[in-house]
Amino acid sequence: MPEALHYTSKDNGIVITVKVVPGSSRSEVVGLHGGMLKVKVAAAPEKGKANKALVEFLAKALHLKKTDLEITAGHTASVKQVFLAGASVDAIEAICKNK
């Protein structure tokens, strides 16, 4: 049975847990890991660069505006809570399959 994304519905969007691997050669979705979306980003983990790269990458991949995404917890950790306004679980699972 395929792994499922763990999420929480909130207001007009969803909150997901993202495991970020900064300093990779390119930004890409790795897949699901323990119910978390695992994403590699090319930016270094310094001065918020990896967080900015994560928001930009997810916004582009999910066809959202950068302002529709907000890191709500884990700003300095590799595991973050990200609020996605107007996003669907199906869209997130689709980017996992198209990796």
PDB file of N, CA and C in Angstrom:
ATOM      1  N   MET A   1       0.846  -1.190   0.000  1.00  0.00           N
ATOM      2  CA  MET A   1       0.000   0.000   0.000  1.00  0.00           C
ATOM      3  C   MET A   1       0.882   1.241   0.000  1.00  0.00           C
ATOM      4  N   PRO A   2       0.613   2.205  -0.899  1.00  0.00           N
ATOM      5  CA  PRO A   2       1.449   3.400  -0.968  1.00  0.00           C
ATOM      6  C   PRO A   2       1.326   4.237   0.300  1.00  0.00           C
ATOM      7  N   GLU A   3       2.395   4.931   0.603  1.00  0.00           N
ATOM      8  CA  GLU A   3       2.413   5.800   1.778  1.00  0.00           C
ATOM      9  C   GLU A   3       1.520   7.012   1.542  1.00  0.00           C
ATOM     10  N   ALA A   4       0.863   7.470   2.591  1.00  0.00           N
ATOM     11  CA  ALA A   4      -0.048   8.613   2.481  1.00  0.00           C
ATOM     12  C   ALA A   4       0.559   9.851   3.127  1.00  0.00           C
ATOM     13  N   LEU A   5       0.249  10.987   2.570  1.00  0.00           N
ATOM     14  CA  LEU A   5       0.680  12.263   3.110  1.00  0.00           C
ATOM     15  C   LEU A   5      -0.155  12.594   4.337  1.00  0.00           C
ATOM     16  N   HIS A   6       0.505  12.953   5.430  1.00  0.00           N
ATOM     17  CA  HIS A   6      -0.207  13.402   6.625  1.00  0.00           C
ATOM     18  C   HIS A   6      -0.418  14.905   6.499  1.00  0.00           C
ATOM     19  N   TYR A   7      -1.629  15.352   6.719  1.00  0.00           N
ATOM     20  CA  TYR A   7      -1.942  16.770   6.603  1.00  0.00           C
ATOM     21  C   TYR A   7      -3.068  17.139   7.565  1.00  0.00           C
ATOM     22  N   THR A   8      -3.244  18.440   7.758  1.00  0.00           N
ATOM     23  CA  THR A   8      -4.318  18.973   8.583  1.00  0.00           C
ATOM     24  C   THR A   8      -5.032  20.041   7.775  1.00  0.00           C
ATOM     25  N   SER A   9      -6.347  19.953   7.693  1.00  0.00           N
ATOM     26  CA  SER A   9      -7.131  20.995   7.023  1.00  0.00           C
ATOM     27  C   SER A   9      -7.206  22.203   7.945  1.00  0.00           C
ATOM     28  N   LYS A  10      -7.039  23.385   7.361  1.00  0.00           N
ATOM     29  CA  LYS A  10      -7.059  24.611   8.163  1.00  0.00           C
ATOM     30  C   LYS A  10      -7.553  25.755   7.290  1.00  0.00           C
ATOM     31  N   ASP A  11      -8.554  26.474   7.764  1.00  0.00           N
ATOM     32  CA  ASP A  11      -9.103  27.629   7.046  1.00  0.00           C
ATOM     33  C   ASP A  11      -9.349  27.274   5.576  1.00  0.00           C
ATOM     34  N   ASN A  12      -8.677  27.954   4.678  1.00  0.00           N
ATOM     35  CA  ASN A  12      -8.884  27.716   3.247  1.00  0.00           C
ATOM     36  C   ASN A  12      -7.708  26.966   2.613  1.00  0.00           C
ATOM     37  N   GLY A  13      -7.082  26.089   3.385  1.00  0.00           N
ATOM     38  CA  GLY A  13      -5.934  25.357   2.863  1.00  0.00           C
ATOM     39  C   GLY A  13      -5.592  24.164   3.729  1.00  0.00           C
ATOM     40  N   ILE A  14      -4.367  23.723   3.610  1.00  0.00           N
ATOM     41  CA  ILE A  14      -3.898  22.584   4.396  1.00  0.00           C
ATOM     42  C   ILE A  14      -2.514  22.874   4.966  1.00  0.00           C
ATOM     43  N   VAL A  15      -2.198  22.171   6.037  1.00  0.00           N
ATOM     44  CA  VAL A  15      -0.872  22.246   6.638  1.00  0.00           C
ATOM     45  C   VAL A  15      -0.221  20.879   6.457  1.00  0.00           C
ATOM     46  N   ILE A  16       0.989  20.881   5.879  1.00  0.00           N
ATOM     47  CA  ILE A  16       1.726  19.631   5.696  1.00  0.00           C
ATOM     48  C   ILE A  16       3.067  19.737   6.412  1.00  0.00           C
ATOM     49  N   THR A  17       3.647  18.584   6.685  1.00  0.00           N
ATOM     50  CA  THR A  17       4.989  18.528   7.253  1.00  0.00           C
ATOM     51  C   THR A  17       5.950  18.249   6.112  1.00  0.00           C
ATOM     52  N   VAL A  18       7.018  19.051   6.048  1.00  0.00           N
ATOM     53  CA  VAL A  18       8.000  18.922   4.976  1.00  0.00           C
ATOM     54  C   VAL A  18       9.369  18.669   5.584  1.00  0.00           C
ATOM     55  N   LYS A  19      10.046  17.647   5.089  1.00  0.00           N
ATOM     56  CA  LYS A  19      11.435  17.362   5.460  1.00  0.00           C
ATOM     57  C   LYS A  19      12.292  17.988   4.367  1.00  0.00           C
ATOM     58  N   VAL A  20      13.107  18.961   4.734  1.00  0.00           N
ATOM     59  CA  VAL A  20      13.919  19.694   3.764  1.00  0.00           C
ATOM     60  C   VAL A  20      15.370  19.248   3.847  1.00  0.00           C
ATOM     61  N   VAL A  21      15.952  18.991   2.674  1.00  0.00           N
ATOM     62  CA  VAL A  21      17.371  18.632   2.574  1.00  0.00           C
ATOM     63  C   VAL A  21      18.040  19.760   1.784  1.00  0.00           C
ATOM     64  N   PRO A  22      18.662  20.718   2.487  1.00  0.00           N
ATOM     65  CA  PRO A  22      19.290  21.846   1.803  1.00  0.00           C
ATOM     66  C   PRO A  22      20.652  21.484   1.211  1.00  0.00           C
ATOM     67  N   GLY A  23      21.138  22.338   0.319  1.00  0.00           N
ATOM     68  CA  GLY A  23      22.467  22.154  -0.251  1.00  0.00           C
ATOM     69  C   GLY A  23      22.556  21.057  -1.290  1.00  0.00           C
ATOM     70  N   SER A  24      21.443  20.679  -1.870  1.00  0.00           N
ATOM     71  CA  SER A  24      21.432  19.642  -2.900  1.00  0.00           C
ATOM     72  C   SER A  24      21.857  20.244  -4.237  1.00  0.00           C
ATOM     73  N   SER A  25      22.155  19.392  -5.195  1.00  0.00           N
ATOM     74  CA  SER A  25      22.584  19.886  -6.498  1.00  0.00           C
ATOM     75  C   SER A  25      21.452  20.561  -7.257  1.00  0.00           C
ATOM     76  N   ARG A  26      20.203  20.165  -6.971  1.00  0.00           N
ATOM     77  CA  ARG A  26      19.039  20.812  -7.583  1.00  0.00           C
ATOM     78  C   ARG A  26      17.838  20.648  -6.671  1.00  0.00           C
ATOM     79  N   SER A  27      16.858  21.500  -6.875  1.00  0.00           N
ATOM     80  CA  SER A  27      15.634  21.421  -6.072  1.00  0.00           C
ATOM     81  C   SER A  27      14.686  20.417  -6.712  1.00  0.00           C
ATOM     82  N   GLU A  28      14.172  19.499  -5.884  1.00  0.00           N
ATOM     83  CA  GLU A  28      13.261  18.474  -6.392  1.00  0.00           C
ATOM     84  C   GLU A  28      12.511  17.813  -5.244  1.00  0.00           C
ATOM     85  N   VAL A  29      11.352  17.238  -5.583  1.00  0.00           N
ATOM     86  CA  VAL A  29      10.595  16.441  -4.625  1.00  0.00           C
ATOM     87  C   VAL A  29      11.191  15.044  -4.637  1.00  0.00           C
ATOM     88  N   VAL A  30      11.526  14.534  -3.460  1.00  0.00           N
ATOM     89  CA  VAL A  30      12.063  13.177  -3.346  1.00  0.00           C
ATOM     90  C   VAL A  30      10.922  12.180  -3.228  1.00  0.00           C
ATOM     91  N   GLY A  31       9.863  12.571  -2.522  1.00  0.00           N
ATOM     92  CA  GLY A  31       8.704  11.705  -2.332  1.00  0.00           C
ATOM     93  C   GLY A  31       8.172  11.860  -0.921  1.00  0.00           C
ATOM     94  N   LEU A  32       7.480  10.840  -0.464  1.00  0.00           N
ATOM     95  CA  LEU A  32       6.942  10.851   0.894  1.00  0.00           C
ATOM     96  C   LEU A  32       7.839  10.014   1.791  1.00  0.00           C
ATOM     97  N   HIS A  33       8.035  10.499   3.008  1.00  0.00           N
ATOM     98  CA  HIS A  33       8.868   9.798   3.980  1.00  0.00           C
ATOM     99  C   HIS A  33       8.214   9.951   5.345  1.00  0.00           C
ATOM    100  N   GLY A  34       7.640   8.876   5.857  1.00  0.00           N
ATOM    101  CA  GLY A  34       6.987   8.936   7.163  1.00  0.00           C
ATOM    102  C   GLY A  34       5.808   9.887   7.194  1.00  0.00           C
ATOM    103  N   GLY A  35       5.097   9.999   6.083  1.00  0.00           N
ATOM    104  CA  GLY A  35       3.949  10.901   6.009  1.00  0.00           C
ATOM    105  C   GLY A  35       4.315  12.337   5.713  1.00  0.00           C
ATOM    106  N   MET A  36       5.626  12.619   5.610  1.00  0.00           N
ATOM    107  CA  MET A  36       6.108  13.966   5.304  1.00  0.00           C
ATOM    108  C   MET A  36       6.479  14.049   3.826  1.00  0.00           C
ATOM    109  N   LEU A  37       6.341  15.236   3.258  1.00  0.00           N
ATOM    110  CA  LEU A  37       6.828  15.492   1.916  1.00  0.00           C
ATOM    111  C   LEU A  37       8.317  15.783   2.038  1.00  0.00           C
ATOM    112  N   LYS A  38       9.145  15.022   1.341  1.00  0.00           N
ATOM    113  CA  LYS A  38      10.592  15.229   1.401  1.00  0.00           C
ATOM    114  C   LYS A  38      11.029  15.982   0.156  1.00  0.00           C
ATOM    115  N   VAL A  39      11.694  17.130   0.385  1.00  0.00           N
ATOM    116  CA  VAL A  39      12.095  18.007  -0.708  1.00  0.00           C
ATOM    117  C   VAL A  39      13.564  18.367  -0.565  1.00  0.00           C
ATOM    118  N   LYS A  40      14.305  18.231  -1.668  1.00  0.00           N
ATOM    119  CA  LYS A  40      15.685  18.706  -1.716  1.00  0.00           C
ATOM    120  C   LYS A  40      15.656  20.107  -2.303  1.00  0.00           C
ATOM    121  N   VAL A  41      16.442  21.019  -1.707  1.00  0.00           N
ATOM    122  CA  VAL A  41      16.567  22.367  -2.269  1.00  0.00           C
ATOM    123  C   VAL A  41      18.032  22.679  -2.502  1.00  0.00           C
ATOM    124  N   ALA A  42      18.295  23.446  -3.564  1.00  0.00           N
ATOM    125  CA  ALA A  42      19.672  23.751  -3.937  1.00  0.00           C
ATOM    126  C   ALA A  42      20.299  24.811  -3.030  1.00  0.00           C
ATOM    127  N   ALA A  43      19.502  25.568  -2.324  1.00  0.00           N
ATOM    128  CA  ALA A  43      20.008  26.650  -1.484  1.00  0.00           C
ATOM    129  C   ALA A  43      20.660  26.115  -0.210  1.00  0.00           C
ATOM    130  N   ALA A  44      21.592  26.907   0.291  1.00  0.00           N
ATOM    131  CA  ALA A  44      22.285  26.561   1.536  1.00  0.00           C
ATOM    132  C   ALA A  44      21.401  26.878   2.740  1.00  0.00           C
ATOM    133  N   PRO A  45      21.595  26.156   3.844  1.00  0.00           N
ATOM    134  CA  PRO A  45      20.786  26.404   5.049  1.00  0.00           C
ATOM    135  C   PRO A  45      21.333  27.565   5.882  1.00  0.00           C
ATOM    136  N   GLU A  46      21.357  28.743   5.287  1.00  0.00           N
ATOM    137  CA  GLU A  46      21.873  29.907   6.011  1.00  0.00           C
ATOM    138  C   GLU A  46      21.021  31.138   5.712  1.00  0.00           C
ATOM    139  N   LYS A  47      20.753  31.913   6.740  1.00  0.00           N
ATOM    140  CA  LYS A  47      20.025  33.178   6.632  1.00  0.00           C
ATOM    141  C   LYS A  47      18.696  33.042   5.893  1.00  0.00           C
ATOM    142  N   GLY A  48      18.014  31.910   6.064  1.00  0.00           N
ATOM    143  CA  GLY A  48      16.694  31.736   5.477  1.00  0.00           C
ATOM    144  C   GLY A  48      16.682  31.394   3.993  1.00  0.00           C
ATOM    145  N   LYS A  49      17.850  31.161   3.407  1.00  0.00           N
ATOM    146  CA  LYS A  49      17.911  30.874   1.973  1.00  0.00           C
ATOM    147  C   LYS A  49      17.187  29.577   1.617  1.00  0.00           C
ATOM    148  N   ALA A  50      17.359  28.544   2.421  1.00  0.00           N
ATOM    149  CA  ALA A  50      16.692  27.261   2.141  1.00  0.00           C
ATOM    150  C   ALA A  50      15.179  27.398   2.304  1.00  0.00           C
ATOM    151  N   ASN A  51      14.729  28.159   3.292  1.00  0.00           N
ATOM    152  CA  ASN A  51      13.289  28.384   3.473  1.00  0.00           C
ATOM    153  C   ASN A  51      12.700  29.108   2.266  1.00  0.00           C
ATOM    154  N   LYS A  52      13.385  30.137   1.802  1.00  0.00           N
ATOM    155  CA  LYS A  52      12.921  30.895   0.641  1.00  0.00           C
ATOM    156  C   LYS A  52      12.870  29.986  -0.589  1.00  0.00           C
ATOM    157  N   ALA A  53      13.910  29.182  -0.774  1.00  0.00           N
ATOM    158  CA  ALA A  53      13.955  28.268  -1.918  1.00  0.00           C
ATOM    159  C   ALA A  53      12.834  27.236  -1.841  1.00  0.00           C
ATOM    160  N   LEU A  54      12.532  26.757  -0.635  1.00  0.00           N
ATOM    161  CA  LEU A  54      11.445  25.794  -0.452  1.00  0.00           C
ATOM    162  C   LEU A  54      10.109  26.406  -0.863  1.00  0.00           C
ATOM    163  N   VAL A  55       9.834  27.608  -0.385  1.00  0.00           N
ATOM    164  CA  VAL A  55       8.570  28.283  -0.706  1.00  0.00           C
ATOM    165  C   VAL A  55       8.468  28.513  -2.219  1.00  0.00           C
ATOM    166  N   GLU A  56       9.547  29.001  -2.832  1.00  0.00           N
ATOM    167  CA  GLU A  56       9.533  29.254  -4.275  1.00  0.00           C
ATOM    168  C   GLU A  56       9.325  27.957  -5.057  1.00  0.00           C
ATOM    169  N   PHE A  57      10.013  26.898  -4.657  1.00  0.00           N
ATOM    170  CA  PHE A  57       9.903  25.624  -5.356  1.00  0.00           C
ATOM    171  C   PHE A  57       8.494  25.034  -5.239  1.00  0.00           C
ATOM    172  N   LEU A  58       7.959  24.986  -4.017  1.00  0.00           N
ATOM    173  CA  LEU A  58       6.622  24.416  -3.825  1.00  0.00           C
ATOM    174  C   LEU A  58       5.552  25.253  -4.528  1.00  0.00           C
ATOM    175  N   ALA A  59       5.689  26.581  -4.491  1.00  0.00           N
ATOM    176  CA  ALA A  59       4.717  27.441  -5.168  1.00  0.00           C
ATOM    177  C   ALA A  59       4.691  27.138  -6.665  1.00  0.00           C
ATOM    178  N   LYS A  60       5.862  27.022  -7.257  1.00  0.00           N
ATOM    179  CA  LYS A  60       5.937  26.730  -8.692  1.00  0.00           C
ATOM    180  C   LYS A  60       5.394  25.333  -8.995  1.00  0.00           C
ATOM    181  N   ALA A  61       5.783  24.348  -8.205  1.00  0.00           N
ATOM    182  CA  ALA A  61       5.364  22.964  -8.443  1.00  0.00           C
ATOM    183  C   ALA A  61       3.861  22.787  -8.291  1.00  0.00           C
ATOM    184  N   LEU A  62       3.247  23.545  -7.366  1.00  0.00           N
ATOM    185  CA  LEU A  62       1.816  23.408  -7.087  1.00  0.00           C
ATOM    186  C   LEU A  62       0.972  24.480  -7.783  1.00  0.00           C
ATOM    187  N   HIS A  63       1.611  25.318  -8.610  1.00  0.00           N
ATOM    188  CA  HIS A  63       0.926  26.380  -9.344  1.00  0.00           C
ATOM    189  C   HIS A  63       0.195  27.330  -8.397  1.00  0.00           C
ATOM    190  N   LEU A  64       0.916  27.731  -7.339  1.00  0.00           N
ATOM    191  CA  LEU A  64       0.393  28.685  -6.356  1.00  0.00           C
ATOM    192  C   LEU A  64       1.266  29.935  -6.358  1.00  0.00           C
ATOM    193  N   LYS A  65       0.762  31.000  -5.764  1.00  0.00           N
ATOM    194  CA  LYS A  65       1.581  32.192  -5.548  1.00  0.00           C
ATOM    195  C   LYS A  65       2.452  31.940  -4.325  1.00  0.00           C
ATOM    196  N   LYS A  66       3.626  32.551  -4.294  1.00  0.00           N
ATOM    197  CA  LYS A  66       4.497  32.402  -3.118  1.00  0.00           C
ATOM    198  C   LYS A  66       3.795  32.891  -1.861  1.00  0.00           C
ATOM    199  N   THR A  67       2.909  33.873  -2.012  1.00  0.00           N
ATOM    200  CA  THR A  67       2.189  34.405  -0.852  1.00  0.00           C
ATOM    201  C   THR A  67       1.135  33.438  -0.328  1.00  0.00           C
ATOM    202  N   ASP A  68       0.834  32.377  -1.094  1.00  0.00           N
ATOM    203  CA  ASP A  68      -0.119  31.356  -0.642  1.00  0.00           C
ATOM    204  C   ASP A  68       0.537  30.331   0.286  1.00  0.00           C
ATOM    205  N   LEU A  69       1.853  30.395   0.423  1.00  0.00           N
ATOM    206  CA  LEU A  69       2.585  29.455   1.268  1.00  0.00           C
ATOM    207  C   LEU A  69       3.183  30.179   2.458  1.00  0.00           C
ATOM    208  N   GLU A  70       3.174  29.504   3.600  1.00  0.00           N
ATOM    209  CA  GLU A  70       3.782  30.081   4.803  1.00  0.00           C
ATOM    210  C   GLU A  70       4.372  28.972   5.649  1.00  0.00           C
ATOM    211  N   ILE A  71       5.633  29.124   6.003  1.00  0.00           N
ATOM    212  CA  ILE A  71       6.250  28.187   6.949  1.00  0.00           C
ATOM    213  C   ILE A  71       5.777  28.618   8.327  1.00  0.00           C
ATOM    214  N   THR A  72       5.002  27.741   8.982  1.00  0.00           N
ATOM    215  CA  THR A  72       4.405  28.110  10.264  1.00  0.00           C
ATOM    216  C   THR A  72       5.202  27.594  11.458  1.00  0.00           C
ATOM    217  N   ALA A  73       6.065  26.613  11.243  1.00  0.00           N
ATOM    218  CA  ALA A  73       6.903  26.080  12.326  1.00  0.00           C
ATOM    219  C   ALA A  73       8.130  25.429  11.713  1.00  0.00           C
ATOM    220  N   GLY A  74       9.232  25.452  12.462  1.00  0.00           N
ATOM    221  CA  GLY A  74      10.452  24.794  12.017  1.00  0.00           C
ATOM    222  C   GLY A  74      11.343  25.662  11.157  1.00  0.00           C
ATOM    223  N   HIS A  75      11.303  26.964  11.366  1.00  0.00           N
ATOM    224  CA  HIS A  75      12.097  27.882  10.534  1.00  0.00           C
ATOM    225  C   HIS A  75      13.585  27.547  10.521  1.00  0.00           C
ATOM    226  N   THR A  76      14.112  27.039  11.626  1.00  0.00           N
ATOM    227  CA  THR A  76      15.544  26.727  11.678  1.00  0.00           C
ATOM    228  C   THR A  76      15.805  25.221  11.741  1.00  0.00           C
ATOM    229  N   ALA A  77      14.773  24.426  11.517  1.00  0.00           N
ATOM    230  CA  ALA A  77      14.913  22.958  11.562  1.00  0.00           C
ATOM    231  C   ALA A  77      14.727  22.379  10.161  1.00  0.00           C
ATOM    232  N   SER A  78      15.124  21.138   9.993  1.00  0.00           N
ATOM    233  CA  SER A  78      14.951  20.496   8.691  1.00  0.00           C
ATOM    234  C   SER A  78      13.520  20.005   8.489  1.00  0.00           C
ATOM    235  N   VAL A  79      12.768  19.830   9.574  1.00  0.00           N
ATOM    236  CA  VAL A  79      11.358  19.431   9.476  1.00  0.00           C
ATOM    237  C   VAL A  79      10.508  20.667   9.755  1.00  0.00           C
ATOM    238  N   LYS A  80       9.675  21.015   8.784  1.00  0.00           N
ATOM    239  CA  LYS A  80       8.892  22.247   8.858  1.00  0.00           C
ATOM    240  C   LYS A  80       7.404  21.963   8.684  1.00  0.00           C
ATOM    241  N   GLN A  81       6.585  22.828   9.233  1.00  0.00           N
ATOM    242  CA  GLN A  81       5.145  22.823   8.994  1.00  0.00           C
ATOM    243  C   GLN A  81       4.896  23.936   7.980  1.00  0.00           C
ATOM    244  N   VAL A  82       4.224  23.591   6.880  1.00  0.00           N
ATOM    245  CA  VAL A  82       3.979  24.574   5.826  1.00  0.00           C
ATOM    246  C   VAL A  82       2.487  24.652   5.556  1.00  0.00           C
ATOM    247  N   PHE A  83       1.946  25.883   5.618  1.00  0.00           N
ATOM    248  CA  PHE A  83       0.549  26.122   5.289  1.00  0.00           C
ATOM    249  C   PHE A  83       0.464  26.457   3.812  1.00  0.00           C
ATOM    250  N   LEU A  84      -0.452  25.768   3.117  1.00  0.00           N
ATOM    251  CA  LEU A  84      -0.646  25.973   1.684  1.00  0.00           C
ATOM    252  C   LEU A  84      -2.088  26.433   1.458  1.00  0.00           C
ATOM    253  N   ALA A  85      -2.275  27.710   1.168  1.00  0.00           N
ATOM    254  CA  ALA A  85      -3.614  28.245   0.932  1.00  0.00           C
ATOM    255  C   ALA A  85      -4.088  27.825  -0.457  1.00  0.00           C
ATOM    256  N   GLY A  86      -5.256  27.239  -0.515  1.00  0.00           N
ATOM    257  CA  GLY A  86      -5.843  26.863  -1.790  1.00  0.00           C
ATOM    258  C   GLY A  86      -5.266  25.611  -2.423  1.00  0.00           C
ATOM    259  N   ALA A  87      -4.422  24.896  -1.709  1.00  0.00           N
ATOM    260  CA  ALA A  87      -3.819  23.680  -2.267  1.00  0.00           C
ATOM    261  C   ALA A  87      -4.660  22.466  -1.908  1.00  0.00           C
ATOM    262  N   SER A  88      -4.533  21.438  -2.716  1.00  0.00           N
ATOM    263  CA  SER A  88      -5.238  20.189  -2.431  1.00  0.00           C
ATOM    264  C   SER A  88      -4.239  19.081  -2.160  1.00  0.00           C
ATOM    265  N   VAL A  89      -4.672  18.107  -1.396  1.00  0.00           N
ATOM    266  CA  VAL A  89      -3.828  16.951  -1.107  1.00  0.00           C
ATOM    267  C   VAL A  89      -3.526  16.215  -2.409  1.00  0.00           C
ATOM    268  N   ASP A  90      -4.494  16.145  -3.302  1.00  0.00           N
ATOM    269  CA  ASP A  90      -4.292  15.475  -4.590  1.00  0.00           C
ATOM    270  C   ASP A  90      -3.151  16.127  -5.378  1.00  0.00           C
ATOM    271  N   ALA A  91      -3.072  17.448  -5.363  1.00  0.00           N
ATOM    272  CA  ALA A  91      -2.014  18.151  -6.090  1.00  0.00           C
ATOM    273  C   ALA A  91      -0.643  17.835  -5.500  1.00  0.00           C
ATOM    274  N   ILE A  92      -0.573  17.765  -4.177  1.00  0.00           N
ATOM    275  CA  ILE A  92       0.705  17.450  -3.522  1.00  0.00           C
ATOM    276  C   ILE A  92       1.113  16.015  -3.829  1.00  0.00           C
ATOM    277  N   GLU A  93       0.158  15.096  -3.738  1.00  0.00           N
ATOM    278  CA  GLU A  93       0.475  13.699  -4.047  1.00  0.00           C
ATOM    279  C   GLU A  93       0.858  13.540  -5.516  1.00  0.00           C
ATOM    280  N   ALA A  94       0.300  14.370  -6.410  1.00  0.00           N
ATOM    281  CA  ALA A  94       0.644  14.308  -7.826  1.00  0.00           C
ATOM    282  C   ALA A  94       2.098  14.701  -8.065  1.00  0.00           C
ATOM    283  N   ILE A  95       2.609  15.716  -7.343  1.00  0.00           N
ATOM    284  CA  ILE A  95       4.009  16.089  -7.546  1.00  0.00           C
ATOM    285  C   ILE A  95       4.949  15.033  -7.000  1.00  0.00           C
ATOM    286  N   CYS A  96       4.468  14.223  -6.049  1.00  0.00           N
ATOM    287  CA  CYS A  96       5.273  13.111  -5.547  1.00  0.00           C
ATOM    288  C   CYS A  96       5.404  12.028  -6.613  1.00  0.00           C
ATOM    289  N   LYS A  97       4.335  11.793  -7.330  1.00  0.00           N
ATOM    290  CA  LYS A  97       4.329  10.742  -8.360  1.00  0.00           C
ATOM    291  C   LYS A  97       5.074  11.161  -9.617  1.00  0.00           C
ATOM    292  N   ASN A  98       5.132  12.483  -9.872  1.00  0.00           N
ATOM    293  CA  ASN A  98       5.788  12.981 -11.080  1.00  0.00           C
ATOM    294  C   ASN A  98       7.252  13.319 -10.866  1.00  0.00           C
ATOM    295  N   LYS A  99       7.804  12.891  -9.758  1.00  0.00           N
ATOM    296  CA  LYS A  99       9.205  13.224  -9.446  1.00  0.00           C
ATOM    297  C   LYS A  99      10.165  12.577 -10.397  1.00  0.00           C
TER     298      LYS A  99
END
